[in-house]
C-alpha atoms as a PDB file:
ATOM      1  CA  MET A   1      11.054  -0.343  52.166  1.00  0.00           C
ATOM      2  CA  ILE A   2      11.551   3.081  50.635  1.00  0.00           C
ATOM      3  CA  LEU A   3      14.635   4.138  48.700  1.00  0.00           C
ATOM      4  CA  GLU A   4      15.839   7.777  48.918  1.00  0.00           C
ATOM      5  CA  HIS A   5      17.645   8.992  45.816  1.00  0.00           C
ATOM      6  CA  ALA A   6      19.688  12.159  45.546  1.00  0.00           C
ATOM      7  CA  LEU A   7      22.302  13.273  43.081  1.00  0.00           C
ATOM      8  CA  LEU A   8      24.788  15.453  44.921  1.00  0.00           C
ATOM      9  CA  SER A   9      26.721  18.062  42.922  1.00  0.00           C
ATOM     10  CA  VAL A  10      29.853  18.805  44.829  1.00  0.00           C
ATOM     11  CA  ARG A  11      32.374  21.394  43.669  1.00  0.00           C
ATOM     12  CA  PRO A  12      35.363  19.493  42.187  1.00  0.00           C
ATOM     13  CA  GLU A  13      37.924  21.107  44.331  1.00  0.00           C
ATOM     14  CA  GLN A  14      36.028  19.996  47.404  1.00  0.00           C
ATOM     15  CA  ALA A  15      35.512  16.347  46.524  1.00  0.00           C
ATOM     16  CA  GLU A  16      38.096  15.088  49.098  1.00  0.00           C
ATOM     17  CA  ASP A  17      36.772  17.286  51.787  1.00  0.00           C
ATOM     18  CA  PHE A  18      33.100  16.291  50.955  1.00  0.00           C
ATOM     19  CA  GLU A  19      34.095  12.562  51.132  1.00  0.00           C
ATOM     20  CA  ALA A  20      35.738  13.057  54.514  1.00  0.00           C
ATOM     21  CA  ALA A  21      32.816  14.950  55.887  1.00  0.00           C
ATOM     22  CA  PHE A  22      30.475  12.285  54.586  1.00  0.00           C
ATOM     23  CA  ALA A  23      32.471   9.593  56.431  1.00  0.00           C
ATOM     24  CA  GLU A  24      31.979  11.598  59.583  1.00  0.00           C
ATOM     25  CA  ALA A  25      28.276  12.177  58.815  1.00  0.00           C
ATOM     26  CA  LYS A  26      27.399   8.529  58.060  1.00  0.00           C
ATOM     27  CA  PRO A  27      27.100   7.437  61.681  1.00  0.00           C
ATOM     28  CA  ILE A  28      24.395  10.123  62.316  1.00  0.00           C
ATOM     29  CA  ILE A  29      22.116   8.815  59.627  1.00  0.00           C
ATOM     30  CA  SER A  30      22.806   5.121  60.310  1.00  0.00           C
ATOM     31  CA  ALA A  31      21.734   5.589  63.913  1.00  0.00           C
ATOM     32  CA  MET A  32      18.275   6.879  62.938  1.00  0.00           C
ATOM     33  CA  PRO A  33      15.206   4.747  63.481  1.00  0.00           C
ATOM     34  CA  GLY A  34      14.059   3.141  60.260  1.00  0.00           C
ATOM     35  CA  PHE A  35      17.435   3.299  58.609  1.00  0.00           C
ATOM     36  CA  ARG A  36      18.329   0.267  56.664  1.00  0.00           C
ATOM     37  CA  SER A  37      21.379   0.948  54.498  1.00  0.00           C
ATOM     38  CA  LEU A  38      23.225   3.543  52.549  1.00  0.00           C
ATOM     39  CA  SER A  39      25.435   3.797  49.495  1.00  0.00           C
ATOM     40  CA  LEU A  40      27.393   6.784  48.129  1.00  0.00           C
ATOM     41  CA  SER A  41      28.874   6.440  44.591  1.00  0.00           C
ATOM     42  CA  ARG A  42      30.915   8.854  42.523  1.00  0.00           C
ATOM     43  CA  GLY A  43      30.093   9.406  38.962  1.00  0.00           C
ATOM     44  CA  ILE A  44      32.620   8.030  36.418  1.00  0.00           C
ATOM     45  CA  GLU A  45      31.583  10.374  33.558  1.00  0.00           C
ATOM     46  CA  THR A  46      30.772  13.263  35.884  1.00  0.00           C
ATOM     47  CA  PRO A  47      33.105  12.905  38.977  1.00  0.00           C
ATOM     48  CA  ASP A  48      31.579  15.989  40.564  1.00  0.00           C
ATOM     49  CA  THR A  49      28.312  14.160  40.899  1.00  0.00           C
ATOM     50  CA  TYR A  50      27.650  11.593  43.693  1.00  0.00           C
ATOM     51  CA  LEU A  51      24.646   9.238  43.903  1.00  0.00           C
ATOM     52  CA  LEU A  52      23.219   8.884  47.412  1.00  0.00           C
ATOM     53  CA  LEU A  53      20.902   5.888  48.018  1.00  0.00           C
ATOM     54  CA  VAL A  54      19.356   5.397  51.350  1.00  0.00           C
ATOM     55  CA  ALA A  55      17.046   2.639  52.229  1.00  0.00           C
ATOM     56  CA  TRP A  56      14.370   3.436  54.938  1.00  0.00           C
ATOM     57  CA  GLU A  57      11.659   1.262  56.432  1.00  0.00           C
ATOM     58  CA  ARG A  58       9.125   3.971  55.902  1.00  0.00           C
ATOM     59  CA  LEU A  59       8.932   7.315  54.083  1.00  0.00           C
ATOM     60  CA  ALA A  60       8.195   8.973  57.545  1.00  0.00           C
ATOM     61  CA  ASP A  61      11.458   7.560  58.913  1.00  0.00           C
ATOM     62  CA  HIS A  62      13.297   9.915  56.568  1.00  0.00           C
ATOM     63  CA  VAL A  63      11.049  12.959  56.073  1.00  0.00           C
ATOM     64  CA  GLU A  64       9.765  13.206  59.682  1.00  0.00           C
ATOM     65  CA  GLY A  65      12.119  11.228  61.804  1.00  0.00           C
ATOM     66  CA  PHE A  66      15.636  11.924  60.373  1.00  0.00           C
ATOM     67  CA  ARG A  67      14.841  15.528  59.031  1.00  0.00           C
ATOM     68  CA  GLY A  68      13.243  16.385  62.311  1.00  0.00           C
ATOM     69  CA  SER A  69      16.093  15.212  64.547  1.00  0.00           C
ATOM     70  CA  ALA A  70      18.867  16.918  66.124  1.00  0.00           C
ATOM     71  CA  GLY A  71      21.216  14.638  64.196  1.00  0.00           C
ATOM     72  CA  TYR A  72      19.926  16.144  60.948  1.00  0.00           C
ATOM     73  CA  GLN A  73      21.127  19.668  62.164  1.00  0.00           C
ATOM     74  CA  ARG A  74      24.709  18.249  62.453  1.00  0.00           C
ATOM     75  CA  TRP A  75      24.240  16.433  59.095  1.00  0.00           C
ATOM     76  CA  GLN A  76      23.386  19.800  57.530  1.00  0.00           C
ATOM     77  CA  GLN A  77      26.396  21.398  59.105  1.00  0.00           C
ATOM     78  CA  LEU A  78      28.739  18.809  57.844  1.00  0.00           C
ATOM     79  CA  LEU A  79      27.423  18.358  54.291  1.00  0.00           C
ATOM     80  CA  HIS A  80      25.092  21.017  52.877  1.00  0.00           C
ATOM     81  CA  HIS A  81      27.629  23.617  52.175  1.00  0.00           C
ATOM     82  CA  PHE A  82      29.398  21.284  49.652  1.00  0.00           C
ATOM     83  CA  TYR A  83      26.270  21.182  47.329  1.00  0.00           C
ATOM     84  CA  ASP A  84      25.963  23.398  44.127  1.00  0.00           C
ATOM     85  CA  PRO A  85      23.112  23.314  43.322  1.00  0.00           C
ATOM     86  CA  PHE A  86      21.290  21.920  46.308  1.00  0.00           C
ATOM     87  CA  PRO A  87      20.060  18.458  45.376  1.00  0.00           C
ATOM     88  CA  VAL A  88      16.569  17.248  44.722  1.00  0.00           C
ATOM     89  CA  VAL A  89      15.669  14.281  46.962  1.00  0.00           C
ATOM     90  CA  GLN A  90      13.178  11.775  45.704  1.00  0.00           C
ATOM     91  CA  HIS A  91      11.861   8.476  47.152  1.00  0.00           C
ATOM     92  CA  PHE A  92      11.055   5.241  45.439  1.00  0.00           C
ATOM     93  CA  ALA A  93       9.202   2.067  46.269  1.00  0.00           C
ATOM     94  CA  PRO A  94      10.771  -1.197  44.881  1.00  0.00           C
ATOM     95  CA  ILE A  95       9.045  -2.877  42.132  1.00  0.00           C
ATOM     96  CA  VAL A  96      11.573  -5.439  41.037  1.00  0.00           C
ATOM     97  CA  GLY A  97      14.417  -6.699  43.240  1.00  0.00           C
ATOM     98  CA  ASP A  98      15.152  -7.919  46.670  1.00  0.00           C
ATOM     99  CA  ALA A  99      13.050  -5.624  48.921  1.00  0.00           C
ATOM    100  CA  THR A 100      14.340  -7.407  51.931  1.00  0.00           C
ATOM    101  CA  SER A 101      18.032  -6.728  51.175  1.00  0.00           C
ATOM    102  CA  ASP A 102      19.948  -4.256  53.299  1.00  0.00           C
ATOM    103  CA  THR A 103      22.022  -3.255  50.289  1.00  0.00           C
ATOM    104  CA  PRO A 104      20.611  -0.613  47.895  1.00  0.00           C
ATOM    105  CA  PRO A 105      20.497  -1.838  44.358  1.00  0.00           C
ATOM    106  CA  ALA A 106      23.283  -0.893  41.957  1.00  0.00           C
ATOM    107  CA  VAL A 107      22.346   1.792  39.515  1.00  0.00           C
ATOM    108  CA  THR A 108      23.895   2.119  36.129  1.00  0.00           C
ATOM    109  CA  ALA A 109      23.366   4.582  33.327  1.00  0.00           C
ATOM    110  CA  SER A 110      24.751   4.612  29.791  1.00  0.00           C
ATOM    111  CA  THR A 111      24.770   6.932  26.925  1.00  0.00           C
ATOM    112  CA  PRO A 112      21.939   6.383  24.476  1.00  0.00           C
ATOM    113  CA  ASN A 113      22.893   4.720  21.170  1.00  0.00           C
ATOM    114  CA  ARG A 114      22.627   7.119  18.354  1.00  0.00           C
ATOM    115  CA  GLN A 115      22.462   5.447  14.987  1.00  0.00           C
END
């Protein structure tokens, strides 16, 4: 399994429209070969930032399959105009955790302790 990670910066005044567009776009990605699961979370400290985690069977399922598909063209039309700046997408291989789960792991962050 490969985990795709992207921090999506969305203009604050467009958050509601983005979330509606994402709901429309989700069936596109979930129908792709190799797709396992997806989660979209909104930042608490930074509500204009969303964390997108997508689990794929293989890296090629995302970078060649999904990005090379007609569905990706529709995904772009629905979502890409919301991003400012455009996100960096990275891929990760699980080290610790249940790699067989269809649910991406929860991700938390905290402010460093300054003493």
